[in-house]
Amino acid sequence: MLPGEPDLVLDLKGLKCPLPVLKSRKAMASLSSGALLRVLTTDPLAGLDIPHFCREDGHTLIAQERGEQGHVFLIRRG
């Protein structure tokens, strides 16, 4: 389990690129600065796409975990 209690959890399992990033970006827009977002996804490209999205949009990727069930990301809104 990743550290931190998220303000919002997005279960994006089953969605393929680019939907996990697009839905994460939309969710981030609804959160205040410093809020935590946990993203769950099975998209194999999310391991590249979500960190890139964070860098491009000024968010902090606190933790990333890959398991049998897919990826889990914990992101702090910039």
PDB file of N, CA and C in Angstrom:
ATOM      1  N   MET A   1       0.838  -1.180   0.000  1.00  0.00           N
ATOM      2  CA  MET A   1       0.000   0.000   0.000  1.00  0.00           C
ATOM      3  C   MET A   1       0.883   1.242   0.000  1.00  0.00           C
ATOM      4  N   LEU A   2       0.511   2.203  -0.795  1.00  0.00           N
ATOM      5  CA  LEU A   2       1.296   3.430  -0.904  1.00  0.00           C
ATOM      6  C   LEU A   2       1.018   4.358   0.269  1.00  0.00           C
ATOM      7  N   PRO A   3       2.012   5.169   0.648  1.00  0.00           N
ATOM      8  CA  PRO A   3       1.868   6.062   1.802  1.00  0.00           C
ATOM      9  C   PRO A   3       0.876   7.192   1.544  1.00  0.00           C
ATOM     10  N   GLY A   4       0.308   7.723   2.626  1.00  0.00           N
ATOM     11  CA  GLY A   4      -0.575   8.884   2.502  1.00  0.00           C
ATOM     12  C   GLY A   4      -2.020   8.506   2.294  1.00  0.00           C
ATOM     13  N   GLU A   5      -2.888   9.255   2.921  1.00  0.00           N
ATOM     14  CA  GLU A   5      -4.331   9.063   2.761  1.00  0.00           C
ATOM     15  C   GLU A   5      -4.809  10.018   1.663  1.00  0.00           C
ATOM     16  N   PRO A   6      -5.286   9.484   0.533  1.00  0.00           N
ATOM     17  CA  PRO A   6      -5.655  10.355  -0.583  1.00  0.00           C
ATOM     18  C   PRO A   6      -6.951  11.122  -0.334  1.00  0.00           C
ATOM     19  N   ASP A   7      -7.034  12.282  -0.962  1.00  0.00           N
ATOM     20  CA  ASP A   7      -8.269  13.060  -0.956  1.00  0.00           C
ATOM     21  C   ASP A   7      -9.271  12.475  -1.949  1.00  0.00           C
ATOM     22  N   LEU A   8      -8.752  11.803  -2.982  1.00  0.00           N
ATOM     23  CA  LEU A   8      -9.592  11.214  -4.020  1.00  0.00           C
ATOM     24  C   LEU A   8      -8.895   9.972  -4.568  1.00  0.00           C
ATOM     25  N   VAL A   9      -9.674   8.926  -4.853  1.00  0.00           N
ATOM     26  CA  VAL A   9      -9.148   7.707  -5.476  1.00  0.00           C
ATOM     27  C   VAL A   9      -9.864   7.522  -6.814  1.00  0.00           C
ATOM     28  N   LEU A  10      -9.064   7.362  -7.869  1.00  0.00           N
ATOM     29  CA  LEU A  10      -9.616   7.091  -9.199  1.00  0.00           C
ATOM     30  C   LEU A  10      -9.329   5.638  -9.559  1.00  0.00           C
ATOM     31  N   ASP A  11     -10.361   4.854  -9.765  1.00  0.00           N
ATOM     32  CA  ASP A  11     -10.197   3.476 -10.218  1.00  0.00           C
ATOM     33  C   ASP A  11     -10.366   3.476 -11.734  1.00  0.00           C
ATOM     34  N   LEU A  12      -9.256   3.451 -12.436  1.00  0.00           N
ATOM     35  CA  LEU A  12      -9.262   3.523 -13.896  1.00  0.00           C
ATOM     36  C   LEU A  12      -8.860   2.197 -14.528  1.00  0.00           C
ATOM     37  N   LYS A  13      -9.049   1.118 -13.787  1.00  0.00           N
ATOM     38  CA  LYS A  13      -8.709  -0.212 -14.294  1.00  0.00           C
ATOM     39  C   LYS A  13      -9.545  -0.520 -15.530  1.00  0.00           C
ATOM     40  N   GLY A  14      -8.888  -1.093 -16.523  1.00  0.00           N
ATOM     41  CA  GLY A  14      -9.567  -1.466 -17.761  1.00  0.00           C
ATOM     42  C   GLY A  14      -9.509  -0.395 -18.832  1.00  0.00           C
ATOM     43  N   LEU A  15      -9.136   0.842 -18.472  1.00  0.00           N
ATOM     44  CA  LEU A  15      -9.042   1.915 -19.458  1.00  0.00           C
ATOM     45  C   LEU A  15      -7.650   1.929 -20.075  1.00  0.00           C
ATOM     46  N   LYS A  16      -7.587   2.190 -21.356  1.00  0.00           N
ATOM     47  CA  LYS A  16      -6.322   2.213 -22.084  1.00  0.00           C
ATOM     48  C   LYS A  16      -5.912   3.649 -22.405  1.00  0.00           C
ATOM     49  N   CYS A  17      -4.641   3.817 -22.687  1.00  0.00           N
ATOM     50  CA  CYS A  17      -4.046   5.092 -23.060  1.00  0.00           C
ATOM     51  C   CYS A  17      -4.872   5.723 -24.194  1.00  0.00           C
ATOM     52  N   PRO A  18      -5.200   6.995 -24.087  1.00  0.00           N
ATOM     53  CA  PRO A  18      -4.748   8.018 -23.146  1.00  0.00           C
ATOM     54  C   PRO A  18      -5.727   8.288 -22.000  1.00  0.00           C
ATOM     55  N   LEU A  19      -6.752   7.453 -21.845  1.00  0.00           N
ATOM     56  CA  LEU A  19      -7.804   7.746 -20.862  1.00  0.00           C
ATOM     57  C   LEU A  19      -7.321   7.876 -19.416  1.00  0.00           C
ATOM     58  N   PRO A  20      -6.401   7.035 -18.922  1.00  0.00           N
ATOM     59  CA  PRO A  20      -5.957   7.242 -17.537  1.00  0.00           C
ATOM     60  C   PRO A  20      -5.369   8.636 -17.287  1.00  0.00           C
ATOM     61  N   VAL A  21      -4.580   9.136 -18.225  1.00  0.00           N
ATOM     62  CA  VAL A  21      -4.002  10.478 -18.063  1.00  0.00           C
ATOM     63  C   VAL A  21      -5.090  11.538 -18.181  1.00  0.00           C
ATOM     64  N   LEU A  22      -5.964  11.415 -19.145  1.00  0.00           N
ATOM     65  CA  LEU A  22      -7.018  12.421 -19.335  1.00  0.00           C
ATOM     66  C   LEU A  22      -7.935  12.500 -18.122  1.00  0.00           C
ATOM     67  N   LYS A  23      -8.316  11.356 -17.569  1.00  0.00           N
ATOM     68  CA  LYS A  23      -9.191  11.349 -16.399  1.00  0.00           C
ATOM     69  C   LYS A  23      -8.447  11.832 -15.141  1.00  0.00           C
ATOM     70  N   SER A  24      -7.162  11.517 -15.055  1.00  0.00           N
ATOM     71  CA  SER A  24      -6.361  12.008 -13.928  1.00  0.00           C
ATOM     72  C   SER A  24      -6.222  13.523 -13.991  1.00  0.00           C
ATOM     73  N   ARG A  25      -5.982  14.043 -15.182  1.00  0.00           N
ATOM     74  CA  ARG A  25      -5.865  15.497 -15.359  1.00  0.00           C
ATOM     75  C   ARG A  25      -7.168  16.194 -14.967  1.00  0.00           C
ATOM     76  N   LYS A  26      -8.291  15.645 -15.374  1.00  0.00           N
ATOM     77  CA  LYS A  26      -9.592  16.239 -15.043  1.00  0.00           C
ATOM     78  C   LYS A  26      -9.829  16.205 -13.530  1.00  0.00           C
ATOM     79  N   ALA A  27      -9.475  15.089 -12.898  1.00  0.00           N
ATOM     80  CA  ALA A  27      -9.649  14.965 -11.449  1.00  0.00           C
ATOM     81  C   ALA A  27      -8.756  15.957 -10.716  1.00  0.00           C
ATOM     82  N   MET A  28      -7.537  16.121 -11.173  1.00  0.00           N
ATOM     83  CA  MET A  28      -6.600  17.059 -10.541  1.00  0.00           C
ATOM     84  C   MET A  28      -7.139  18.480 -10.578  1.00  0.00           C
ATOM     85  N   ALA A  29      -7.801  18.830 -11.649  1.00  0.00           N
ATOM     86  CA  ALA A  29      -8.347  20.182 -11.787  1.00  0.00           C
ATOM     87  C   ALA A  29      -9.398  20.476 -10.718  1.00  0.00           C
ATOM     88  N   SER A  30     -10.036  19.438 -10.190  1.00  0.00           N
ATOM     89  CA  SER A  30     -11.083  19.634  -9.180  1.00  0.00           C
ATOM     90  C   SER A  30     -10.521  19.665  -7.754  1.00  0.00           C
ATOM     91  N   LEU A  31      -9.222  19.365  -7.598  1.00  0.00           N
ATOM     92  CA  LEU A  31      -8.604  19.312  -6.272  1.00  0.00           C
ATOM     93  C   LEU A  31      -7.833  20.597  -5.973  1.00  0.00           C
ATOM     94  N   SER A  32      -7.688  20.894  -4.698  1.00  0.00           N
ATOM     95  CA  SER A  32      -6.911  22.070  -4.308  1.00  0.00           C
ATOM     96  C   SER A  32      -5.425  21.714  -4.279  1.00  0.00           C
ATOM     97  N   SER A  33      -4.589  22.745  -4.328  1.00  0.00           N
ATOM     98  CA  SER A  33      -3.142  22.555  -4.297  1.00  0.00           C
ATOM     99  C   SER A  33      -2.734  21.776  -3.046  1.00  0.00           C
ATOM    100  N   GLY A  34      -1.878  20.778  -3.230  1.00  0.00           N
ATOM    101  CA  GLY A  34      -1.411  19.958  -2.115  1.00  0.00           C
ATOM    102  C   GLY A  34      -2.242  18.718  -1.860  1.00  0.00           C
ATOM    103  N   ALA A  35      -3.394  18.602  -2.508  1.00  0.00           N
ATOM    104  CA  ALA A  35      -4.266  17.437  -2.321  1.00  0.00           C
ATOM    105  C   ALA A  35      -3.604  16.188  -2.918  1.00  0.00           C
ATOM    106  N   LEU A  36      -3.970  15.031  -2.376  1.00  0.00           N
ATOM    107  CA  LEU A  36      -3.430  13.759  -2.852  1.00  0.00           C
ATOM    108  C   LEU A  36      -4.467  13.008  -3.691  1.00  0.00           C
ATOM    109  N   LEU A  37      -4.005  12.467  -4.806  1.00  0.00           N
ATOM    110  CA  LEU A  37      -4.830  11.665  -5.697  1.00  0.00           C
ATOM    111  C   LEU A  37      -4.180  10.297  -5.827  1.00  0.00           C
ATOM    112  N   ARG A  38      -4.952   9.247  -5.606  1.00  0.00           N
ATOM    113  CA  ARG A  38      -4.483   7.879  -5.841  1.00  0.00           C
ATOM    114  C   ARG A  38      -5.137   7.393  -7.130  1.00  0.00           C
ATOM    115  N   VAL A  39      -4.319   6.898  -8.046  1.00  0.00           N
ATOM    116  CA  VAL A  39      -4.795   6.409  -9.344  1.00  0.00           C
ATOM    117  C   VAL A  39      -4.486   4.925  -9.444  1.00  0.00           C
ATOM    118  N   LEU A  40      -5.509   4.138  -9.748  1.00  0.00           N
ATOM    119  CA  LEU A  40      -5.379   2.692  -9.959  1.00  0.00           C
ATOM    120  C   LEU A  40      -5.614   2.424 -11.443  1.00  0.00           C
ATOM    121  N   THR A  41      -4.684   1.732 -12.093  1.00  0.00           N
ATOM    122  CA  THR A  41      -4.850   1.467 -13.515  1.00  0.00           C
ATOM    123  C   THR A  41      -4.203   0.143 -13.908  1.00  0.00           C
ATOM    124  N   THR A  42      -4.747  -0.478 -14.949  1.00  0.00           N
ATOM    125  CA  THR A  42      -4.181  -1.711 -15.492  1.00  0.00           C
ATOM    126  C   THR A  42      -3.479  -1.454 -16.820  1.00  0.00           C
ATOM    127  N   ASP A  43      -3.501  -0.220 -17.300  1.00  0.00           N
ATOM    128  CA  ASP A  43      -2.869   0.128 -18.569  1.00  0.00           C
ATOM    129  C   ASP A  43      -1.348  -0.018 -18.438  1.00  0.00           C
ATOM    130  N   PRO A  44      -0.719  -0.884 -19.255  1.00  0.00           N
ATOM    131  CA  PRO A  44       0.717  -1.072 -19.140  1.00  0.00           C
ATOM    132  C   PRO A  44       1.527   0.194 -19.429  1.00  0.00           C
ATOM    133  N   LEU A  45       0.989   1.096 -20.230  1.00  0.00           N
ATOM    134  CA  LEU A  45       1.697   2.333 -20.554  1.00  0.00           C
ATOM    135  C   LEU A  45       1.609   3.382 -19.450  1.00  0.00           C
ATOM    136  N   ALA A  46       0.770   3.156 -18.459  1.00  0.00           N
ATOM    137  CA  ALA A  46       0.612   4.133 -17.377  1.00  0.00           C
ATOM    138  C   ALA A  46       1.912   4.347 -16.622  1.00  0.00           C
ATOM    139  N   GLY A  47       2.764   3.337 -16.563  1.00  0.00           N
ATOM    140  CA  GLY A  47       4.049   3.474 -15.889  1.00  0.00           C
ATOM    141  C   GLY A  47       4.924   4.549 -16.502  1.00  0.00           C
ATOM    142  N   LEU A  48       4.699   4.851 -17.760  1.00  0.00           N
ATOM    143  CA  LEU A  48       5.397   5.942 -18.448  1.00  0.00           C
ATOM    144  C   LEU A  48       4.544   7.205 -18.506  1.00  0.00           C
ATOM    145  N   ASP A  49       3.269   7.018 -18.811  1.00  0.00           N
ATOM    146  CA  ASP A  49       2.380   8.159 -19.053  1.00  0.00           C
ATOM    147  C   ASP A  49       2.080   8.985 -17.808  1.00  0.00           C
ATOM    148  N   ILE A  50       1.804   8.350 -16.689  1.00  0.00           N
ATOM    149  CA  ILE A  50       1.435   9.099 -15.476  1.00  0.00           C
ATOM    150  C   ILE A  50       2.615   9.919 -14.948  1.00  0.00           C
ATOM    151  N   PRO A  51       3.829   9.349 -14.836  1.00  0.00           N
ATOM    152  CA  PRO A  51       4.955  10.191 -14.414  1.00  0.00           C
ATOM    153  C   PRO A  51       5.209  11.369 -15.358  1.00  0.00           C
ATOM    154  N   HIS A  52       5.061  11.138 -16.657  1.00  0.00           N
ATOM    155  CA  HIS A  52       5.237  12.215 -17.635  1.00  0.00           C
ATOM    156  C   HIS A  52       4.173  13.304 -17.435  1.00  0.00           C
ATOM    157  N   PHE A  53       2.928  12.888 -17.241  1.00  0.00           N
ATOM    158  CA  PHE A  53       1.832  13.831 -16.968  1.00  0.00           C
ATOM    159  C   PHE A  53       2.148  14.683 -15.736  1.00  0.00           C
ATOM    160  N   CYS A  54       2.658  14.049 -14.690  1.00  0.00           N
ATOM    161  CA  CYS A  54       2.992  14.776 -13.456  1.00  0.00           C
ATOM    162  C   CYS A  54       4.065  15.831 -13.715  1.00  0.00           C
ATOM    163  N   ARG A  55       5.118  15.451 -14.428  1.00  0.00           N
ATOM    164  CA  ARG A  55       6.198  16.405 -14.734  1.00  0.00           C
ATOM    165  C   ARG A  55       5.677  17.564 -15.581  1.00  0.00           C
ATOM    166  N   GLU A  56       4.900  17.249 -16.589  1.00  0.00           N
ATOM    167  CA  GLU A  56       4.400  18.273 -17.503  1.00  0.00           C
ATOM    168  C   GLU A  56       3.430  19.245 -16.836  1.00  0.00           C
ATOM    169  N   ASP A  57       2.611  18.749 -15.914  1.00  0.00           N
ATOM    170  CA  ASP A  57       1.567  19.578 -15.291  1.00  0.00           C
ATOM    171  C   ASP A  57       1.981  20.148 -13.930  1.00  0.00           C
ATOM    172  N   GLY A  58       3.199  19.837 -13.478  1.00  0.00           N
ATOM    173  CA  GLY A  58       3.700  20.411 -12.233  1.00  0.00           C
ATOM    174  C   GLY A  58       3.219  19.736 -10.962  1.00  0.00           C
ATOM    175  N   HIS A  59       2.834  18.465 -11.065  1.00  0.00           N
ATOM    176  CA  HIS A  59       2.417  17.703  -9.895  1.00  0.00           C
ATOM    177  C   HIS A  59       3.595  16.849  -9.411  1.00  0.00           C
ATOM    178  N   THR A  60       3.521  16.370  -8.172  1.00  0.00           N
ATOM    179  CA  THR A  60       4.574  15.545  -7.602  1.00  0.00           C
ATOM    180  C   THR A  60       4.106  14.095  -7.515  1.00  0.00           C
ATOM    181  N   LEU A  61       4.858  13.221  -8.149  1.00  0.00           N
ATOM    182  CA  LEU A  61       4.577  11.789  -8.046  1.00  0.00           C
ATOM    183  C   LEU A  61       5.230  11.307  -6.753  1.00  0.00           C
ATOM    184  N   ILE A  62       4.418  11.113  -5.727  1.00  0.00           N
ATOM    185  CA  ILE A  62       4.908  10.736  -4.402  1.00  0.00           C
ATOM    186  C   ILE A  62       5.372   9.277  -4.400  1.00  0.00           C
ATOM    187  N   ALA A  63       4.578   8.400  -5.006  1.00  0.00           N
ATOM    188  CA  ALA A  63       4.904   6.979  -5.012  1.00  0.00           C
ATOM    189  C   ALA A  63       4.266   6.310  -6.222  1.00  0.00           C
ATOM    190  N   GLN A  64       4.912   5.240  -6.642  1.00  0.00           N
ATOM    191  CA  GLN A  64       4.420   4.446  -7.767  1.00  0.00           C
ATOM    192  C   GLN A  64       4.679   2.998  -7.420  1.00  0.00           C
ATOM    193  N   GLU A  65       3.676   2.163  -7.633  1.00  0.00           N
ATOM    194  CA  GLU A  65       3.798   0.743  -7.303  1.00  0.00           C
ATOM    195  C   GLU A  65       3.204  -0.071  -8.437  1.00  0.00           C
ATOM    196  N   ARG A  66       3.909  -1.131  -8.810  1.00  0.00           N
ATOM    197  CA  ARG A  66       3.386  -2.020  -9.844  1.00  0.00           C
ATOM    198  C   ARG A  66       3.226  -3.400  -9.245  1.00  0.00           C
ATOM    199  N   GLY A  67       2.060  -3.971  -9.435  1.00  0.00           N
ATOM    200  CA  GLY A  67       1.787  -5.301  -8.914  1.00  0.00           C
ATOM    201  C   GLY A  67       1.052  -6.134  -9.936  1.00  0.00           C
ATOM    202  N   GLU A  68       0.574  -7.282  -9.497  1.00  0.00           N
ATOM    203  CA  GLU A  68      -0.161  -8.185 -10.386  1.00  0.00           C
ATOM    204  C   GLU A  68      -1.454  -7.557 -10.892  1.00  0.00           C
ATOM    205  N   GLN A  69      -2.022  -6.645 -10.105  1.00  0.00           N
ATOM    206  CA  GLN A  69      -3.311  -6.031 -10.456  1.00  0.00           C
ATOM    207  C   GLN A  69      -3.151  -4.739 -11.250  1.00  0.00           C
ATOM    208  N   GLY A  70      -1.916  -4.339 -11.563  1.00  0.00           N
ATOM    209  CA  GLY A  70      -1.675  -3.126 -12.331  1.00  0.00           C
ATOM    210  C   GLY A  70      -0.833  -2.127 -11.553  1.00  0.00           C
ATOM    211  N   HIS A  71      -0.984  -0.861 -11.892  1.00  0.00           N
ATOM    212  CA  HIS A  71      -0.225   0.219 -11.264  1.00  0.00           C
ATOM    213  C   HIS A  71      -1.074   0.969 -10.249  1.00  0.00           C
ATOM    214  N   VAL A  72      -0.390   1.477  -9.210  1.00  0.00           N
ATOM    215  CA  VAL A  72      -1.003   2.389  -8.248  1.00  0.00           C
ATOM    216  C   VAL A  72      -0.065   3.593  -8.148  1.00  0.00           C
ATOM    217  N   PHE A  73      -0.619   4.790  -8.297  1.00  0.00           N
ATOM    218  CA  PHE A  73       0.149   6.020  -8.224  1.00  0.00           C
ATOM    219  C   PHE A  73      -0.424   6.900  -7.128  1.00  0.00           C
ATOM    220  N   LEU A  74       0.449   7.587  -6.415  1.00  0.00           N
ATOM    221  CA  LEU A  74       0.020   8.589  -5.453  1.00  0.00           C
ATOM    222  C   LEU A  74       0.635   9.903  -5.902  1.00  0.00           C
ATOM    223  N   ILE A  75      -0.237  10.874  -6.195  1.00  0.00           N
ATOM    224  CA  ILE A  75       0.173  12.139  -6.795  1.00  0.00           C
ATOM    225  C   ILE A  75      -0.289  13.294  -5.904  1.00  0.00           C
ATOM    226  N   ARG A  76       0.638  14.245  -5.673  1.00  0.00           N
ATOM    227  CA  ARG A  76       0.266  15.471  -4.951  1.00  0.00           C
ATOM    228  C   ARG A  76       0.083  16.582  -5.976  1.00  0.00           C
ATOM    229  N   ARG A  77      -1.073  17.253  -5.899  1.00  0.00           N
ATOM    230  CA  ARG A  77      -1.363  18.337  -6.840  1.00  0.00           C
ATOM    231  C   ARG A  77      -0.422  19.505  -6.605  1.00  0.00           C
ATOM    232  N   GLY A  78       0.149  20.008  -7.698  1.00  0.00           N
ATOM    233  CA  GLY A  78       1.063  21.148  -7.650  1.00  0.00           C
ATOM    234  C   GLY A  78       0.340  22.467  -7.611  1.00  0.00           C
TER     235      GLY A  78
END
